[in-house]
Amino acid sequence: MEFTDALKQTGPCSFSPNAGFLAVAVDYRLFVRDVVSLKVIQLFSCVDKISYIEWAPDSEYILCGLYKRPMIQAWSLFQPEWTCKIDEGPAGIAYARWSPDSRHILTTSDFQLRLTVWSLVNTACVHVQWPKHASKGIAFSKDGKFAAICTRRDCKDYLNLLSCHTWEIMGVFAVDTFDLADIEWSPDDSALVIWDSPLEYKVLIYSPDGRCLFKYQAYDGGLGVKNVSWSPCGQFLAIGSYDQMLRVLHHLTWKIFAEFMHISTVRAPCNVALFKEVDEPLQIDVSGLSLRDDFMDGSENASEEQSTVRYEVVEVPIALPFQKPSVDKPNPKQGVGLLLWSIDCKYICTRSDAIPTALWIWDMCRLELAAILVQKDPIRTAAWDTKYTRLAFCTGSSHLYMWTPSGAYCASVPLPEFNIIDLKWNLDGSCLLLKDKETFCCAAVPVLCESSDDISDD
């Protein structure tokens, strides 16, 4: 695995949808770099510090959210002289996003007073009153034809279906939620999943014409849904809950297809592969060198301080570090806080917030636990490769961790004082973006064979 030099960043970084460019925010400036060479191909200057960036789906435009202003600035990658500035005035801007056609920008005002659709073609705008959330509660169909926007009025949640061509409202219907949390289209655009706030366990499946296809409620009297995710193939819907359970529904019957529990002690009988991160000190042999005594003492001390890590395969039973949530604080650290499908739909990776140092890999073909990776530090983020069955994750240390069905390994970033706090895959699977607090680098990952999961950690 090869790593680039560290480069400066002070905010969001994002790969373009066509996998050819990397946008990096440095204070009020936006650098657009070539992914292969990391050379700067465009430089844009905004009027204030950049808080958020998002590429247009066609990779020709990019918007910058200047939420301290509040203001939106958009730039054209291939027409540097073209500029766009959106200012809502006293209403403010809480969030902004692109439409699927890359020619409209949707902004949500502060306090969710209204959502505005701004046209970059004819400067026209369309308003939708009382959006439910700023950054959530809005979903576009995968074919880009419709937008589902959740609104709330008179203490009731509604779903508005808009045409992304004319931005006319095609239909409005009330949804059976107490306090709607979010919405997501199915991969084939045949259904919409809506789930309630954590205060009430409720998952609803609606057709685009407003019919409720299924209502799922696992239990009453406790914190409910924490994460919901469609499988890329659209056949399964995974639900992560505050009761440490992962439940999977099948799209034909909408019945429970599988249930998995995150337990603090793993016992036999179990075919799970357990990988535990352990320290491995670097041994430097200086016995054959003729050096001064004071230099020798310094070398020995330095060798004691240097160390790397590796995975050690352990046997069951094993007790995982469990953190009991505080009963007198809001947003308890429990439940399935991370839930991600692999690109081939064969695996789901999860993290229970009550066991933050363990990453769970579930095999959806055998309906069993495939692997548990036990780290020294809490897992910050994880991401599946967009081409192969390969998972990358980080813990805020200087090491990059990866898992495939053939095993797991660690790679040390050869940069001084570089601790990975976030990572993203390029959409073509060619490299990883690794972020530190004020710098970033890219890692070129080895290509996996189609017929084999063997990997190399060179």
Protein backbone atom coordinates (compact mmCIF):
# COMPACT_ATOMS: atom_id res chain seq x y z
CA MET A 1 0.00 0.00 0.00
CA GLU A 2 1.36 3.40 -1.01
CA PHE A 3 0.66 6.73 0.71
CA THR A 4 1.00 10.26 -0.62
CA ASP A 5 2.53 13.15 1.30
CA ALA A 6 0.33 15.01 3.77
CA LEU A 7 -1.46 18.09 2.41
CA LYS A 8 -3.29 20.84 4.25
CA GLN A 9 -7.05 20.88 4.83
CA THR A 10 -9.24 22.70 7.33
CA GLY A 11 -12.66 21.33 6.52
CA PRO A 12 -14.59 19.01 4.23
CA CYS A 13 -12.92 16.94 1.50
CA SER A 14 -14.84 15.07 -1.19
CA PHE A 15 -14.20 12.93 -4.27
CA SER A 16 -16.15 13.84 -7.40
CA PRO A 17 -18.84 11.39 -8.59
CA ASN A 18 -16.82 10.60 -11.71
CA ALA A 19 -13.85 9.64 -9.48
CA GLY A 20 -11.52 12.02 -11.31
CA PHE A 21 -11.22 14.94 -8.89
CA LEU A 22 -10.78 15.68 -5.20
CA ALA A 23 -12.17 18.89 -3.66
CA VAL A 24 -10.44 20.14 -0.52
CA ALA A 25 -11.47 23.10 1.65
CA VAL A 26 -8.69 25.21 3.19
CA ASP A 27 -10.29 28.05 5.16
CA TYR A 28 -12.08 30.19 2.53
CA ARG A 29 -10.38 28.57 -0.48
CA LEU A 30 -11.47 25.51 -2.41
CA PHE A 31 -8.76 23.43 -4.07
CA VAL A 32 -9.77 21.00 -6.80
CA ARG A 33 -7.06 18.39 -7.34
CA ASP A 34 -6.52 15.62 -9.84
CA VAL A 35 -7.00 12.29 -8.05
CA VAL A 36 -3.97 10.59 -9.62
CA SER A 37 -1.33 13.33 -9.31
CA LEU A 38 -3.00 15.49 -6.61
CA LYS A 39 -2.03 18.55 -8.66
CA VAL A 40 -4.25 21.59 -8.26
CA ILE A 41 -6.33 22.09 -11.42
CA GLN A 42 -8.70 24.78 -10.08
CA LEU A 43 -8.65 27.17 -7.14
CA PHE A 44 -11.75 29.06 -6.01
CA SER A 45 -11.95 31.73 -3.31
CA CYS A 46 -15.11 32.09 -1.25
CA VAL A 47 -16.14 35.07 0.85
CA ASP A 48 -15.92 33.18 4.16
CA LYS A 49 -14.74 29.90 5.67
CA ILE A 50 -16.13 26.82 3.92
CA SER A 51 -18.29 24.66 6.19
CA TYR A 52 -19.66 22.18 3.64
CA ILE A 53 -19.00 21.09 0.06
CA GLU A 54 -20.96 18.89 -2.32
CA TRP A 55 -20.30 17.88 -5.91
CA ALA A 56 -23.05 18.01 -8.51
CA PRO A 57 -23.91 14.51 -9.78
CA ASP A 58 -22.37 15.31 -13.19
CA SER A 59 -19.07 16.45 -11.56
CA GLU A 60 -19.20 19.78 -13.44
CA TYR A 61 -20.26 21.98 -10.54
CA ILE A 62 -19.53 22.14 -6.83
CA LEU A 63 -21.28 24.07 -4.08
CA CYS A 64 -19.74 25.48 -0.91
CA GLY A 65 -21.81 26.11 2.19
CA LEU A 66 -20.72 29.20 4.12
CA TYR A 67 -23.05 28.66 7.03
CA LYS A 68 -21.49 31.40 9.18
CA ARG A 69 -22.62 34.03 6.66
CA PRO A 70 -25.05 32.24 5.87
CA MET A 71 -24.55 31.85 2.14
CA ILE A 72 -24.04 29.34 -0.66
CA GLN A 73 -21.46 29.73 -3.42
CA ALA A 74 -21.33 27.42 -6.43
CA TRP A 75 -18.52 27.04 -8.95
CA SER A 76 -18.07 25.49 -12.37
CA LEU A 77 -15.07 23.24 -12.79
CA PHE A 78 -14.80 23.78 -16.54
CA GLN A 79 -16.00 27.42 -16.67
CA PRO A 80 -14.00 29.17 -13.92
CA GLU A 81 -15.52 32.55 -14.80
CA TRP A 82 -19.04 31.26 -13.97
CA THR A 83 -20.14 31.91 -10.39
CA CYS A 84 -23.32 31.55 -8.36
CA LYS A 85 -24.18 33.02 -4.98
CA ILE A 86 -27.32 32.23 -2.97
CA ASP A 87 -28.27 34.35 0.04
CA GLU A 88 -31.58 33.80 1.84
CA GLY A 89 -31.22 36.99 3.86
CA PRO A 90 -32.73 36.94 7.38
CA ALA A 91 -34.16 33.44 6.81
CA GLY A 92 -30.63 32.04 6.75
CA ILE A 93 -29.42 28.75 5.27
CA ALA A 94 -29.14 25.64 7.41
CA TYR A 95 -28.31 23.16 4.62
CA ALA A 96 -27.93 22.90 0.85
CA ARG A 97 -27.82 20.06 -1.66
CA TRP A 98 -27.85 19.39 -5.41
CA SER A 99 -30.78 18.02 -7.36
CA PRO A 100 -30.19 14.90 -9.50
CA ASP A 101 -30.04 16.96 -12.73
CA SER A 102 -27.11 19.09 -11.41
CA ARG A 103 -28.94 22.26 -12.45
CA HIS A 104 -30.87 23.03 -9.27
CA ILE A 105 -29.80 23.68 -5.67
CA LEU A 106 -32.12 22.98 -2.73
CA THR A 107 -31.62 25.08 0.40
CA THR A 108 -33.32 24.79 3.79
CA SER A 109 -33.70 27.94 5.87
CA ASP A 110 -33.00 28.24 9.56
CA PHE A 111 -35.71 26.90 11.86
CA GLN A 112 -37.08 24.88 8.88
CA LEU A 113 -39.31 27.75 7.74
CA ARG A 114 -39.08 26.78 4.08
CA LEU A 115 -37.21 24.79 1.48
CA THR A 116 -36.25 26.60 -1.72
CA VAL A 117 -35.38 25.08 -5.10
CA TRP A 118 -33.05 27.42 -7.01
CA SER A 119 -32.62 26.98 -10.76
CA LEU A 120 -29.18 27.61 -12.28
CA VAL A 121 -30.73 27.73 -15.75
CA ASN A 122 -33.32 30.52 -15.50
CA THR A 123 -32.84 31.79 -11.90
CA ALA A 124 -36.39 30.71 -11.00
CA CYS A 125 -37.17 29.37 -7.54
CA VAL A 126 -39.84 27.18 -5.94
CA HIS A 127 -40.74 27.16 -2.24
CA VAL A 128 -41.94 24.29 -0.03
CA GLN A 129 -43.20 25.43 3.37
CA TRP A 130 -42.29 23.83 6.70
CA PRO A 131 -39.71 21.15 5.83
CA LYS A 132 -39.36 18.64 8.64
CA HIS A 133 -35.55 18.74 8.92
CA ALA A 134 -32.64 20.71 7.50
CA SER A 135 -30.31 17.94 6.33
CA LYS A 136 -32.61 14.92 6.65
CA GLY A 137 -36.16 14.19 5.55
CA ILE A 138 -35.41 14.69 1.83
CA ALA A 139 -34.69 11.87 -0.64
CA PHE A 140 -34.41 11.64 -4.41
CA SER A 141 -35.50 8.61 -6.39
CA LYS A 142 -32.62 6.69 -7.91
CA ASP A 143 -33.76 7.52 -11.45
CA GLY A 144 -33.69 11.23 -10.53
CA LYS A 145 -37.31 11.87 -11.49
CA PHE A 146 -38.89 12.52 -8.08
CA ALA A 147 -38.06 14.17 -4.77
CA ALA A 148 -39.71 13.08 -1.52
CA ILE A 149 -39.76 15.97 0.97
CA CYS A 150 -41.08 15.53 4.51
CA THR A 151 -42.94 18.47 6.03
CA ARG A 152 -44.77 19.08 9.30
CA ARG A 153 -47.79 21.24 9.98
CA ASP A 154 -50.51 21.20 12.62
CA CYS A 155 -48.46 18.66 14.65
CA LYS A 156 -48.63 16.12 11.81
CA ASP A 157 -45.99 14.74 9.45
CA TYR A 158 -46.60 14.77 5.69
CA LEU A 159 -44.78 13.44 2.64
CA ASN A 160 -44.65 15.67 -0.45
CA LEU A 161 -43.77 14.06 -3.78
CA LEU A 162 -42.34 16.55 -6.29
CA SER A 163 -41.33 16.17 -9.93
CA CYS A 164 -37.64 16.96 -10.41
CA HIS A 165 -38.43 18.19 -13.93
CA THR A 166 -41.05 20.84 -13.22
CA TRP A 167 -40.80 20.92 -9.37
CA GLU A 168 -44.56 20.70 -9.16
CA ILE A 169 -46.11 18.80 -6.27
CA MET A 170 -47.38 15.47 -7.58
CA GLY A 171 -48.98 14.37 -4.34
CA VAL A 172 -49.15 14.96 -0.60
CA PHE A 173 -50.17 12.44 2.05
CA ALA A 174 -49.96 12.17 5.82
CA VAL A 175 -47.70 9.52 7.36
CA ASP A 176 -48.36 7.58 10.55
CA THR A 177 -45.41 8.87 12.59
CA PHE A 178 -45.15 10.56 15.96
CA ASP A 179 -42.00 12.52 15.06
CA LEU A 180 -40.57 11.52 11.68
CA ALA A 181 -36.80 10.98 11.72
CA ASP A 182 -35.85 10.35 8.08
CA ILE A 183 -36.83 8.85 4.74
CA GLU A 184 -35.10 6.80 2.04
CA TRP A 185 -36.09 5.48 -1.39
CA SER A 186 -35.60 1.81 -2.17
CA PRO A 187 -32.89 1.12 -4.80
CA ASP A 188 -35.55 0.20 -7.39
CA ASP A 189 -37.74 3.25 -6.54
CA SER A 190 -40.73 1.01 -5.79
CA ALA A 191 -41.07 1.98 -2.13
CA LEU A 192 -40.14 4.54 0.50
CA VAL A 193 -39.06 3.68 4.03
CA ILE A 194 -39.90 6.15 6.81
CA TRP A 195 -38.90 5.71 10.42
CA ASP A 196 -39.89 7.48 13.61
CA SER A 197 -37.77 9.25 16.21
CA PRO A 198 -36.00 7.13 18.85
CA LEU A 199 -38.86 7.78 21.27
CA GLU A 200 -41.15 5.40 19.38
CA TYR A 201 -40.18 2.24 17.50
CA LYS A 202 -41.89 2.47 14.12
CA VAL A 203 -40.74 1.69 10.57
CA LEU A 204 -43.20 2.33 7.74
CA ILE A 205 -43.02 1.21 4.12
CA TYR A 206 -44.99 3.39 1.68
CA SER A 207 -45.57 3.16 -2.04
CA PRO A 208 -44.99 6.39 -4.00
CA ASP A 209 -48.76 6.83 -4.39
CA GLY A 210 -49.24 7.00 -0.61
CA ARG A 211 -50.33 3.45 0.27
CA CYS A 212 -48.83 2.04 3.48
CA LEU A 213 -47.40 -1.32 2.45
CA PHE A 214 -46.14 -2.40 5.85
CA LYS A 215 -45.76 -1.18 9.40
CA TYR A 216 -43.08 -2.72 11.60
CA GLN A 217 -42.79 -2.24 15.34
CA ALA A 218 -40.41 -4.54 17.21
CA TYR A 219 -41.32 -3.47 20.75
CA ASP A 220 -42.91 -0.75 22.88
CA GLY A 221 -41.73 1.18 25.89
CA GLY A 222 -38.09 1.83 24.99
CA LEU A 223 -35.81 3.75 22.67
CA GLY A 224 -36.43 2.55 19.14
CA VAL A 225 -34.78 2.85 15.74
CA LYS A 226 -31.24 4.23 15.43
CA ASN A 227 -30.21 3.28 11.86
CA VAL A 228 -31.97 2.12 8.70
CA SER A 229 -30.28 1.06 5.46
CA TRP A 230 -31.40 -0.58 2.21
CA SER A 231 -29.16 -3.24 0.71
CA PRO A 232 -27.69 -2.13 -2.65
CA CYS A 233 -29.74 -4.81 -4.43
CA GLY A 234 -32.95 -3.57 -2.81
CA GLN A 235 -34.01 -7.00 -1.51
CA PHE A 236 -33.30 -6.34 2.18
CA LEU A 237 -33.88 -3.55 4.67
CA ALA A 238 -31.58 -3.49 7.72
CA ILE A 239 -32.74 -1.83 10.94
CA GLY A 240 -30.39 -1.07 13.82
CA SER A 241 -32.07 -0.44 17.17
CA TYR A 242 -31.26 0.82 20.64
CA ASP A 243 -31.81 -2.68 22.06
CA GLN A 244 -28.48 -3.81 20.45
CA MET A 245 -30.36 -5.78 17.78
CA LEU A 246 -29.87 -5.78 14.02
CA ARG A 247 -33.03 -6.81 12.19
CA VAL A 248 -33.30 -7.47 8.46
CA LEU A 249 -36.59 -7.38 6.53
CA HIS A 250 -37.21 -9.05 3.14
CA HIS A 251 -38.74 -6.89 0.42
CA LEU A 252 -41.27 -9.46 -0.82
CA THR A 253 -43.04 -10.18 2.47
CA TRP A 254 -41.68 -7.34 4.66
CA LYS A 255 -41.19 -9.96 7.36
CA ILE A 256 -38.13 -10.45 9.56
CA PHE A 257 -35.50 -12.27 7.52
CA ALA A 258 -32.74 -12.31 10.13
CA GLU A 259 -32.04 -11.05 13.67
CA PHE A 260 -28.58 -10.50 15.11
CA MET A 261 -27.72 -9.53 18.69
CA HIS A 262 -24.62 -7.62 19.81
CA ILE A 263 -23.57 -9.36 23.01
CA SER A 264 -20.71 -8.46 25.32
CA THR A 265 -19.49 -12.06 25.71
CA VAL A 266 -19.05 -14.36 22.70
CA ARG A 267 -19.13 -18.06 23.55
CA ALA A 268 -19.02 -21.39 21.73
CA PRO A 269 -20.48 -22.88 19.64
CA CYS A 270 -19.56 -20.13 17.22
CA ASN A 271 -17.73 -20.10 13.87
CA VAL A 272 -16.79 -16.45 14.13
CA ALA A 273 -13.26 -15.30 13.28
CA LEU A 274 -11.97 -13.13 16.12
CA PHE A 275 -9.23 -10.60 15.35
CA LYS A 276 -7.73 -8.65 18.25
CA GLU A 277 -5.43 -5.68 17.77
CA VAL A 278 -2.19 -6.08 19.76
CA ASP A 279 1.03 -4.09 20.00
CA GLU A 280 4.11 -5.41 18.29
CA PRO A 281 7.30 -3.56 19.38
CA LEU A 282 9.87 -2.84 16.71
CA GLN A 283 13.09 -4.68 17.50
CA ILE A 284 16.18 -2.84 16.24
CA ASP A 285 19.33 -4.94 16.38
CA VAL A 286 22.35 -2.68 17.02
CA SER A 287 24.62 -5.32 18.54
CA GLY A 288 26.90 -5.42 15.49
CA LEU A 289 27.40 -1.67 15.28
CA SER A 290 30.35 0.21 16.76
CA LEU A 291 28.85 3.39 18.15
CA ARG A 292 29.40 5.68 21.11
CA ASP A 293 27.80 4.63 24.37
CA ASP A 294 25.58 7.68 24.59
CA PHE A 295 24.26 7.08 21.04
CA MET A 296 23.65 3.44 21.85
CA ASP A 297 21.59 4.39 24.91
CA GLY A 298 19.51 6.79 22.84
CA SER A 299 18.90 4.16 20.16
CA GLU A 300 17.72 1.62 22.70
CA ASN A 301 15.32 4.12 24.26
CA ALA A 302 13.97 5.07 20.85
CA SER A 303 13.40 1.46 19.90
CA GLU A 304 11.38 0.94 23.06
CA GLU A 305 9.11 3.86 22.18
CA GLN A 306 8.50 2.75 18.58
CA SER A 307 5.85 0.13 18.03
CA THR A 308 3.42 -1.12 15.42
CA VAL A 309 0.27 -3.18 15.66
CA ARG A 310 -1.00 -6.40 14.21
CA TYR A 311 -4.03 -8.65 14.48
CA GLU A 312 -3.94 -11.72 16.66
CA VAL A 313 -6.48 -14.46 16.04
CA VAL A 314 -8.10 -15.43 19.34
CA GLU A 315 -10.52 -18.17 20.37
CA VAL A 316 -13.90 -18.00 22.03
CA PRO A 317 -15.01 -17.29 24.67
CA ILE A 318 -14.07 -13.62 24.70
CA ALA A 319 -15.44 -10.73 26.77
CA LEU A 320 -15.77 -7.49 24.82
CA PRO A 321 -15.32 -4.12 26.57
CA PHE A 322 -18.87 -3.02 27.41
CA GLN A 323 -19.74 0.55 28.42
CA LYS A 324 -22.88 0.90 30.48
CA PRO A 325 -24.77 4.00 29.28
CA SER A 326 -25.42 6.80 31.73
CA VAL A 327 -29.06 6.99 32.82
CA ASP A 328 -29.00 10.73 33.60
CA LYS A 329 -27.65 11.98 30.23
CA PRO A 330 -29.46 12.39 26.89
CA ASN A 331 -28.55 10.42 23.76
CA PRO A 332 -27.22 7.33 25.53
CA LYS A 333 -24.29 5.56 23.92
CA GLN A 334 -26.00 2.30 23.12
CA GLY A 335 -27.60 0.59 20.17
CA VAL A 336 -26.41 0.02 16.61
CA GLY A 337 -24.69 3.29 15.78
CA LEU A 338 -23.00 2.11 12.57
CA LEU A 339 -24.66 -0.02 9.89
CA LEU A 340 -23.17 -0.52 6.40
CA TRP A 341 -23.86 -2.98 3.57
CA SER A 342 -21.08 -4.36 1.38
CA ILE A 343 -21.35 -3.59 -2.33
CA ASP A 344 -22.29 -7.23 -3.13
CA CYS A 345 -24.92 -7.37 -0.33
CA LYS A 346 -23.20 -10.41 1.20
CA TYR A 347 -22.06 -8.70 4.41
CA ILE A 348 -23.19 -6.08 6.90
CA CYS A 349 -20.76 -4.35 9.25
CA THR A 350 -22.07 -2.86 12.48
CA ARG A 351 -20.83 -1.19 15.63
CA SER A 352 -22.70 -1.15 18.89
CA ASP A 353 -22.17 2.16 20.65
CA ALA A 354 -22.12 0.30 23.97
CA ILE A 355 -19.16 -1.78 22.67
CA PRO A 356 -17.36 0.93 20.66
CA THR A 357 -14.05 -0.93 20.20
CA ALA A 358 -15.60 -3.91 18.36
CA LEU A 359 -16.59 -4.09 14.70
CA TRP A 360 -19.03 -6.86 13.77
CA ILE A 361 -19.21 -8.45 10.31
CA TRP A 362 -22.41 -10.40 9.58
CA ASP A 363 -22.61 -12.95 6.74
CA MET A 364 -25.97 -12.52 5.01
CA CYS A 365 -25.58 -15.68 2.92
CA ARG A 366 -25.10 -17.99 5.91
CA LEU A 367 -27.06 -15.72 8.29
CA GLU A 368 -24.35 -15.85 10.93
CA LEU A 369 -21.60 -13.79 12.49
CA ALA A 370 -18.55 -13.92 10.22
CA ALA A 371 -15.98 -11.88 12.15
CA ILE A 372 -15.40 -9.55 15.08
CA LEU A 373 -12.51 -7.11 15.04
CA VAL A 374 -11.56 -5.94 18.53
CA GLN A 375 -9.59 -2.69 18.54
CA LYS A 376 -7.62 -0.88 21.23
CA ASP A 377 -9.50 2.37 20.60
CA PRO A 378 -13.13 3.13 19.72
CA ILE A 379 -13.97 2.79 16.02
CA ARG A 380 -14.56 6.23 14.52
CA THR A 381 -15.76 5.40 11.00
CA ALA A 382 -15.83 2.59 8.45
CA ALA A 383 -16.45 2.36 4.70
CA TRP A 384 -16.87 -0.49 2.23
CA ASP A 385 -14.91 -0.57 -1.01
CA THR A 386 -17.13 0.49 -3.92
CA LYS A 387 -15.79 -2.31 -6.16
CA TYR A 388 -14.81 -5.26 -3.97
CA THR A 389 -15.82 -6.90 -0.71
CA ARG A 390 -13.30 -4.96 1.34
CA LEU A 391 -13.88 -2.87 4.45
CA ALA A 392 -11.65 -0.04 5.67
CA PHE A 393 -11.98 1.63 9.06
CA CYS A 394 -10.07 3.81 11.52
CA THR A 395 -9.88 4.47 15.25
CA GLY A 396 -8.16 7.86 15.44
CA SER A 397 -4.70 6.25 15.50
CA SER A 398 -1.91 6.26 12.92
CA HIS A 399 -3.05 2.88 11.57
CA LEU A 400 -5.44 1.95 8.76
CA TYR A 401 -7.40 -1.26 9.25
CA MET A 402 -8.91 -3.46 6.56
CA TRP A 403 -11.00 -6.63 6.42
CA THR A 404 -11.90 -8.98 3.58
CA PRO A 405 -13.48 -12.46 3.72
CA SER A 406 -9.94 -13.87 3.59
CA GLY A 407 -8.71 -12.03 6.70
CA ALA A 408 -7.78 -8.72 8.30
CA TYR A 409 -4.65 -6.61 8.45
CA CYS A 410 -3.27 -3.28 9.69
CA ALA A 411 -1.25 -0.72 7.77
CA SER A 412 0.74 2.07 9.42
CA VAL A 413 0.64 5.50 7.80
CA PRO A 414 4.29 6.52 7.23
CA LEU A 415 3.65 10.17 8.07
CA PRO A 416 4.75 11.84 11.33
CA GLU A 417 1.96 12.57 13.81
CA PHE A 418 -0.77 11.61 11.33
CA ASN A 419 -3.82 10.13 13.06
CA ILE A 420 -6.74 9.00 10.89
CA ILE A 421 -10.01 10.50 12.11
CA ASP A 422 -12.02 9.98 8.91
CA LEU A 423 -11.75 8.11 5.62
CA LYS A 424 -13.57 7.89 2.28
CA TRP A 425 -13.29 5.62 -0.75
CA ASN A 426 -13.00 7.03 -4.24
CA LEU A 427 -15.98 5.80 -6.23
CA ASP A 428 -13.81 3.70 -8.55
CA GLY A 429 -12.18 1.97 -5.56
CA SER A 430 -8.69 3.07 -6.60
CA CYS A 431 -7.72 4.95 -3.45
CA LEU A 432 -8.71 6.05 0.03
CA LEU A 433 -8.85 9.57 1.40
CA LEU A 434 -7.44 9.67 4.94
CA LYS A 435 -8.02 12.74 7.10
CA ASP A 436 -6.15 14.05 10.12
CA LYS A 437 -7.25 17.15 12.02
CA GLU A 438 -5.47 19.61 9.71
CA THR A 439 -4.00 17.46 6.93
CA PHE A 440 -4.98 14.66 4.58
CA CYS A 441 -3.33 12.05 2.40
CA CYS A 442 -4.41 9.45 -0.13
CA ALA A 443 -3.64 5.73 0.00
CA ALA A 444 -3.44 3.64 -3.17
CA VAL A 445 -4.91 0.24 -2.33
CA PRO A 446 -4.12 -3.02 -4.13
CA VAL A 447 -6.63 -4.35 -6.63
CA LEU A 448 -8.42 -7.50 -5.57
CA CYS A 449 -8.86 -10.39 -7.99
CA GLU A 450 -12.45 -11.03 -9.07
CA SER A 451 -12.19 -14.72 -8.29
CA SER A 452 -10.23 -14.45 -5.09
CA ASP A 453 -10.19 -12.38 -1.95
CA ASP A 454 -6.45 -12.62 -1.51
CA ILE A 455 -4.83 -9.29 -0.73
CA SER A 456 -1.41 -7.85 -0.35
CA ASP A 457 -0.40 -5.35 2.28
CA ASP A 458 2.71 -4.15 0.52
